[in-house]
Each structure stands twice: as structure tokens, then as C-alpha cells.
Amino acid sequence: TENKRSAIYQDGDWQFVETIAPPSG
């Protein structure tokens, strides 16, 4: 909740889902 990020536990560690920027340029 601190940074509104999701994390998934994979291969023995938490993997934080990266932000995807909207298309531009």
C-alpha cells in the first residue's frame, strides 16, 4: 500500500511488478 505496487512470489523471492508507461512519441 505504501507505493501501490504489486509483488508476486516467484522462484523463492518477491518480484515487484514494474510500471508500464502509456505509449508516447
PDB file of all heavy atoms in Angstrom:
ATOM      1  N   THR A   1       0.812  -1.224   0.000  1.00  0.00           N
ATOM      2  CA  THR A   1       0.000   0.000   0.000  1.00  0.00           C
ATOM      3  C   THR A   1       0.845   1.274   0.000  1.00  0.00           C
ATOM      4  O   THR A   1       0.395   2.294  -0.495  1.00  0.00           O
ATOM      5  CB  THR A   1      -0.969   0.028   1.194  1.00  0.00           C
ATOM      6  OG1 THR A   1      -0.239  -0.075   2.409  1.00  0.00           O
ATOM      7  CG2 THR A   1      -1.964  -1.110   1.105  1.00  0.00           C
ATOM      8  N   GLU A   2       2.050   1.218   0.537  1.00  0.00           N
ATOM      9  CA  GLU A   2       2.910   2.400   0.608  1.00  0.00           C
ATOM     10  C   GLU A   2       3.127   3.027  -0.773  1.00  0.00           C
ATOM     11  O   GLU A   2       3.078   4.235  -0.932  1.00  0.00           O
ATOM     12  CB  GLU A   2       4.258   2.031   1.229  1.00  0.00           C
ATOM     13  CG  GLU A   2       5.258   3.161   1.262  1.00  0.00           C
ATOM     14  CD  GLU A   2       6.599   2.716   1.818  1.00  0.00           C
ATOM     15  OE1 GLU A   2       7.222   1.791   1.262  1.00  0.00           O
ATOM     16  OE2 GLU A   2       7.012   3.301   2.839  1.00  0.00           O
ATOM     17  N   ASN A   3       3.380   2.184  -1.764  1.00  0.00           N
ATOM     18  CA  ASN A   3       3.663   2.712  -3.092  1.00  0.00           C
ATOM     19  C   ASN A   3       2.724   2.156  -4.163  1.00  0.00           C
ATOM     20  O   ASN A   3       2.977   2.314  -5.348  1.00  0.00           O
ATOM     21  CB  ASN A   3       5.121   2.450  -3.474  1.00  0.00           C
ATOM     22  CG  ASN A   3       5.484   0.990  -3.332  1.00  0.00           C
ATOM     23  OD1 ASN A   3       4.622   0.120  -3.282  1.00  0.00           O
ATOM     24  ND2 ASN A   3       6.773   0.713  -3.273  1.00  0.00           N
ATOM     25  N   LYS A   4       1.634   1.487  -3.725  1.00  0.00           N
ATOM     26  CA  LYS A   4       0.620   0.945  -4.632  1.00  0.00           C
ATOM     27  C   LYS A   4       1.220   0.032  -5.690  1.00  0.00           C
ATOM     28  O   LYS A   4       0.842   0.076  -6.862  1.00  0.00           O
ATOM     29  CB  LYS A   4      -0.177   2.072  -5.281  1.00  0.00           C
ATOM     30  CG  LYS A   4      -0.963   2.877  -4.295  1.00  0.00           C
ATOM     31  CD  LYS A   4      -1.758   3.944  -4.975  1.00  0.00           C
ATOM     32  CE  LYS A   4      -2.509   4.756  -3.937  1.00  0.00           C
ATOM     33  NZ  LYS A   4      -3.111   5.938  -4.469  1.00  0.00           N
ATOM     34  N   ARG A   5       2.166  -0.804  -5.266  1.00  0.00           N
ATOM     35  CA  ARG A   5       2.798  -1.750  -6.174  1.00  0.00           C
ATOM     36  C   ARG A   5       2.332  -3.153  -5.861  1.00  0.00           C
ATOM     37  O   ARG A   5       1.979  -3.467  -4.732  1.00  0.00           O
ATOM     38  CB  ARG A   5       4.318  -1.681  -6.063  1.00  0.00           C
ATOM     39  CG  ARG A   5       4.887  -0.373  -6.571  1.00  0.00           C
ATOM     40  CD  ARG A   5       6.377  -0.354  -6.532  1.00  0.00           C
ATOM     41  NE  ARG A   5       6.928  -1.256  -7.540  1.00  0.00           N
ATOM     42  CZ  ARG A   5       8.205  -1.602  -7.580  1.00  0.00           C
ATOM     43  NH1 ARG A   5       9.044  -1.146  -6.692  1.00  0.00           N
ATOM     44  NH2 ARG A   5       8.642  -2.413  -8.510  1.00  0.00           N
ATOM     45  N   SER A   6       2.358  -4.004  -6.850  1.00  0.00           N
ATOM     46  CA  SER A   6       2.062  -5.416  -6.678  1.00  0.00           C
ATOM     47  C   SER A   6       3.374  -6.182  -6.644  1.00  0.00           C
ATOM     48  O   SER A   6       4.352  -5.782  -7.277  1.00  0.00           O
ATOM     49  CB  SER A   6       1.226  -5.944  -7.846  1.00  0.00           C
ATOM     50  OG  SER A   6       0.020  -5.263  -7.932  1.00  0.00           O
ATOM     51  N   ALA A   7       3.362  -7.290  -5.910  1.00  0.00           N
ATOM     52  CA  ALA A   7       4.521  -8.175  -5.892  1.00  0.00           C
ATOM     53  C   ALA A   7       4.012  -9.607  -5.964  1.00  0.00           C
ATOM     54  O   ALA A   7       2.981  -9.946  -5.386  1.00  0.00           O
ATOM     55  CB  ALA A   7       5.356  -7.963  -4.635  1.00  0.00           C
ATOM     56  N   ILE A   8       4.749 -10.440  -6.689  1.00  0.00           N
ATOM     57  CA  ILE A   8       4.407 -11.852  -6.843  1.00  0.00           C
ATOM     58  C   ILE A   8       5.596 -12.673  -6.363  1.00  0.00           C
ATOM     59  O   ILE A   8       6.744 -12.369  -6.692  1.00  0.00           O
ATOM     60  CB  ILE A   8       4.077 -12.180  -8.311  1.00  0.00           C
ATOM     61  CG1 ILE A   8       2.890 -11.331  -8.774  1.00  0.00           C
ATOM     62  CG2 ILE A   8       3.787 -13.664  -8.491  1.00  0.00           C
ATOM     63  CD1 ILE A   8       2.602 -11.403 -10.243  1.00  0.00           C
ATOM     64  N   TYR A   9       5.302 -13.710  -5.576  1.00  0.00           N
ATOM     65  CA  TYR A   9       6.355 -14.580  -5.057  1.00  0.00           C
ATOM     66  C   TYR A   9       6.687 -15.633  -6.116  1.00  0.00           C
ATOM     67  O   TYR A   9       5.876 -16.507  -6.415  1.00  0.00           O
ATOM     68  CB  TYR A   9       5.896 -15.228  -3.753  1.00  0.00           C
ATOM     69  CG  TYR A   9       7.013 -15.896  -3.006  1.00  0.00           C
ATOM     70  CD1 TYR A   9       7.937 -15.142  -2.286  1.00  0.00           C
ATOM     71  CD2 TYR A   9       7.153 -17.275  -3.020  1.00  0.00           C
ATOM     72  CE1 TYR A   9       8.962 -15.745  -1.596  1.00  0.00           C
ATOM     73  CE2 TYR A   9       8.179 -17.889  -2.325  1.00  0.00           C
ATOM     74  CZ  TYR A   9       9.081 -17.125  -1.615  1.00  0.00           C
ATOM     75  OH  TYR A   9      10.110 -17.730  -0.937  1.00  0.00           O
ATOM     76  N   GLN A  10       7.886 -15.535  -6.686  1.00  0.00           N
ATOM     77  CA  GLN A  10       8.319 -16.470  -7.719  1.00  0.00           C
ATOM     78  C   GLN A  10       9.761 -16.864  -7.481  1.00  0.00           C
ATOM     79  O   GLN A  10      10.607 -16.006  -7.188  1.00  0.00           O
ATOM     80  CB  GLN A  10       8.198 -15.848  -9.108  1.00  0.00           C
ATOM     81  CG  GLN A  10       6.773 -15.585  -9.534  1.00  0.00           C
ATOM     82  CD  GLN A  10       6.695 -14.931 -10.896  1.00  0.00           C
ATOM     83  OE1 GLN A  10       7.549 -14.122 -11.260  1.00  0.00           O
ATOM     84  NE2 GLN A  10       5.666 -15.256 -11.640  1.00  0.00           N
ATOM     85  N   ASP A  11      10.012 -18.146  -7.608  1.00  0.00           N
ATOM     86  CA  ASP A  11      11.372 -18.685  -7.500  1.00  0.00           C
ATOM     87  C   ASP A  11      12.052 -18.283  -6.201  1.00  0.00           C
ATOM     88  O   ASP A  11      13.230 -17.934  -6.179  1.00  0.00           O
ATOM     89  CB  ASP A  11      12.219 -18.254  -8.705  1.00  0.00           C
ATOM     90  CG  ASP A  11      11.627 -18.727 -10.022  1.00  0.00           C
ATOM     91  OD1 ASP A  11      11.083 -19.846 -10.059  1.00  0.00           O
ATOM     92  OD2 ASP A  11      11.700 -17.968 -11.014  1.00  0.00           O
ATOM     93  N   GLY A  12      11.291 -18.287  -5.107  1.00  0.00           N
ATOM     94  CA  GLY A  12      11.864 -18.051  -3.791  1.00  0.00           C
ATOM     95  C   GLY A  12      12.069 -16.603  -3.397  1.00  0.00           C
ATOM     96  O   GLY A  12      12.727 -16.332  -2.393  1.00  0.00           O
ATOM     97  N   ASP A  13      11.515 -15.654  -4.162  1.00  0.00           N
ATOM     98  CA  ASP A  13      11.669 -14.247  -3.803  1.00  0.00           C
ATOM     99  C   ASP A  13      10.487 -13.450  -4.350  1.00  0.00           C
ATOM    100  O   ASP A  13       9.807 -13.873  -5.269  1.00  0.00           O
ATOM    101  CB  ASP A  13      12.981 -13.689  -4.365  1.00  0.00           C
ATOM    102  CG  ASP A  13      13.443 -12.432  -3.648  1.00  0.00           C
ATOM    103  OD1 ASP A  13      12.868 -12.080  -2.585  1.00  0.00           O
ATOM    104  OD2 ASP A  13      14.383 -11.782  -4.142  1.00  0.00           O
ATOM    105  N   TRP A  14      10.260 -12.291  -3.769  1.00  0.00           N
ATOM    106  CA  TRP A  14       9.193 -11.404  -4.220  1.00  0.00           C
ATOM    107  C   TRP A  14       9.669 -10.631  -5.436  1.00  0.00           C
ATOM    108  O   TRP A  14      10.721  -9.995  -5.405  1.00  0.00           O
ATOM    109  CB  TRP A  14       8.790 -10.454  -3.101  1.00  0.00           C
ATOM    110  CG  TRP A  14       8.056 -11.151  -2.003  1.00  0.00           C
ATOM    111  CD1 TRP A  14       8.564 -11.562  -0.813  1.00  0.00           C
ATOM    112  CD2 TRP A  14       6.682 -11.540  -2.004  1.00  0.00           C
ATOM    113  NE1 TRP A  14       7.597 -12.185  -0.070  1.00  0.00           N
ATOM    114  CE2 TRP A  14       6.425 -12.192  -0.777  1.00  0.00           C
ATOM    115  CE3 TRP A  14       5.644 -11.412  -2.914  1.00  0.00           C
ATOM    116  CZ2 TRP A  14       5.173 -12.695  -0.442  1.00  0.00           C
ATOM    117  CZ3 TRP A  14       4.401 -11.911  -2.592  1.00  0.00           C
ATOM    118  CH2 TRP A  14       4.167 -12.559  -1.359  1.00  0.00           C
ATOM    119  N   GLN A  15       8.888 -10.674  -6.494  1.00  0.00           N
ATOM    120  CA  GLN A  15       9.175  -9.937  -7.723  1.00  0.00           C
ATOM    121  C   GLN A  15       8.169  -8.797  -7.821  1.00  0.00           C
ATOM    122  O   GLN A  15       6.966  -9.042  -7.875  1.00  0.00           O
ATOM    123  CB  GLN A  15       9.035 -10.851  -8.945  1.00  0.00           C
ATOM    124  CG  GLN A  15       9.785 -12.158  -8.847  1.00  0.00           C
ATOM    125  CD  GLN A  15      11.278 -11.987  -8.756  1.00  0.00           C
ATOM    126  OE1 GLN A  15      11.857 -11.132  -9.426  1.00  0.00           O
ATOM    127  NE2 GLN A  15      11.915 -12.785  -7.919  1.00  0.00           N
ATOM    128  N   PHE A  16       8.653  -7.567  -7.822  1.00  0.00           N
ATOM    129  CA  PHE A  16       7.763  -6.415  -7.907  1.00  0.00           C
ATOM    130  C   PHE A  16       7.405  -6.148  -9.362  1.00  0.00           C
ATOM    131  O   PHE A  16       8.268  -6.146 -10.233  1.00  0.00           O
ATOM    132  CB  PHE A  16       8.402  -5.188  -7.253  1.00  0.00           C
ATOM    133  CG  PHE A  16       8.400  -5.282  -5.762  1.00  0.00           C
ATOM    134  CD1 PHE A  16       9.443  -5.895  -5.096  1.00  0.00           C
ATOM    135  CD2 PHE A  16       7.329  -4.793  -5.028  1.00  0.00           C
ATOM    136  CE1 PHE A  16       9.424  -6.013  -3.714  1.00  0.00           C
ATOM    137  CE2 PHE A  16       7.310  -4.909  -3.652  1.00  0.00           C
ATOM    138  CZ  PHE A  16       8.358  -5.517  -2.998  1.00  0.00           C
ATOM    139  N   VAL A  17       6.113  -5.934  -9.601  1.00  0.00           N
ATOM    140  CA  VAL A  17       5.618  -5.675 -10.947  1.00  0.00           C
ATOM    141  C   VAL A  17       6.047  -4.263 -11.343  1.00  0.00           C
ATOM    142  O   VAL A  17       5.831  -3.305 -10.596  1.00  0.00           O
ATOM    143  CB  VAL A  17       4.079  -5.823 -10.999  1.00  0.00           C
ATOM    144  CG1 VAL A  17       3.550  -5.521 -12.387  1.00  0.00           C
ATOM    145  CG2 VAL A  17       3.674  -7.222 -10.546  1.00  0.00           C
ATOM    146  N   GLU A  18       6.656  -4.163 -12.475  1.00  0.00           N
ATOM    147  CA  GLU A  18       7.161  -2.872 -12.942  1.00  0.00           C
ATOM    148  C   GLU A  18       6.035  -2.024 -13.537  1.00  0.00           C
ATOM    149  O   GLU A  18       5.059  -2.545 -14.062  1.00  0.00           O
ATOM    150  CB  GLU A  18       8.255  -3.077 -13.994  1.00  0.00           C
ATOM    151  CG  GLU A  18       9.476  -3.799 -13.464  1.00  0.00           C
ATOM    152  CD  GLU A  18      10.183  -3.046 -12.347  1.00  0.00           C
ATOM    153  OE1 GLU A  18      10.249  -1.796 -12.406  1.00  0.00           O
ATOM    154  OE2 GLU A  18      10.665  -3.708 -11.421  1.00  0.00           O
ATOM    155  N   THR A  19       6.205  -0.740 -13.481  1.00  0.00           N
ATOM    156  CA  THR A  19       5.255   0.198 -14.076  1.00  0.00           C
ATOM    157  C   THR A  19       5.400   0.178 -15.595  1.00  0.00           C
ATOM    158  O   THR A  19       6.510   0.154 -16.120  1.00  0.00           O
ATOM    159  CB  THR A  19       5.527   1.619 -13.547  1.00  0.00           C
ATOM    160  OG1 THR A  19       5.353   1.618 -12.136  1.00  0.00           O
ATOM    161  CG2 THR A  19       4.580   2.624 -14.160  1.00  0.00           C
ATOM    162  N   ILE A  20       4.281   0.173 -16.275  1.00  0.00           N
ATOM    163  CA  ILE A  20       4.281   0.264 -17.731  1.00  0.00           C
ATOM    164  C   ILE A  20       3.764   1.650 -18.095  1.00  0.00           C
ATOM    165  O   ILE A  20       2.640   2.014 -17.742  1.00  0.00           O
ATOM    166  CB  ILE A  20       3.390  -0.830 -18.363  1.00  0.00           C
ATOM    167  CG1 ILE A  20       3.933  -2.213 -18.013  1.00  0.00           C
ATOM    168  CG2 ILE A  20       3.303  -0.635 -19.878  1.00  0.00           C
ATOM    169  CD1 ILE A  20       3.057  -3.352 -18.475  1.00  0.00           C
ATOM    170  N   ALA A  21       4.582   2.385 -18.778  1.00  0.00           N
ATOM    171  CA  ALA A  21       4.193   3.743 -19.167  1.00  0.00           C
ATOM    172  C   ALA A  21       3.265   3.694 -20.378  1.00  0.00           C
ATOM    173  O   ALA A  21       3.377   2.799 -21.220  1.00  0.00           O
ATOM    174  CB  ALA A  21       5.430   4.557 -19.501  1.00  0.00           C
ATOM    175  N   PRO A  22       2.358   4.640 -20.460  1.00  0.00           N
ATOM    176  CA  PRO A  22       1.491   4.701 -21.642  1.00  0.00           C
ATOM    177  C   PRO A  22       2.318   5.046 -22.879  1.00  0.00           C
ATOM    178  O   PRO A  22       3.405   5.612 -22.774  1.00  0.00           O
ATOM    179  CB  PRO A  22       0.497   5.806 -21.297  1.00  0.00           C
ATOM    180  CG  PRO A  22       1.143   6.606 -20.230  1.00  0.00           C
ATOM    181  CD  PRO A  22       2.085   5.690 -19.502  1.00  0.00           C
ATOM    182  N   PRO A  23       1.795   4.702 -24.059  1.00  0.00           N
ATOM    183  CA  PRO A  23       2.544   4.998 -25.286  1.00  0.00           C
ATOM    184  C   PRO A  23       2.699   6.510 -25.494  1.00  0.00           C
ATOM    185  O   PRO A  23       1.809   7.281 -25.161  1.00  0.00           O
ATOM    186  CB  PRO A  23       1.694   4.367 -26.389  1.00  0.00           C
ATOM    187  CG  PRO A  23       0.341   4.178 -25.802  1.00  0.00           C
ATOM    188  CD  PRO A  23       0.523   4.066 -24.324  1.00  0.00           C
ATOM    189  N   SER A  24       3.850   6.882 -26.037  1.00  0.00           N
ATOM    190  CA  SER A  24       4.094   8.288 -26.360  1.00  0.00           C
ATOM    191  C   SER A  24       5.160   8.372 -27.441  1.00  0.00           C
ATOM    192  O   SER A  24       5.984   7.474 -27.584  1.00  0.00           O
ATOM    193  CB  SER A  24       4.534   9.070 -25.115  1.00  0.00           C
ATOM    194  OG  SER A  24       5.769   8.594 -24.663  1.00  0.00           O
ATOM    195  N   GLY A  25       5.139   9.463 -28.180  1.00  0.00           N
ATOM    196  CA  GLY A  25       6.153   9.693 -29.205  1.00  0.00           C
ATOM    197  C   GLY A  25       5.979   8.793 -30.417  1.00  0.00           C
ATOM    198  O   GLY A  25       4.956   8.129 -30.589  1.00  0.00           O
TER     199      GLY A  25
END
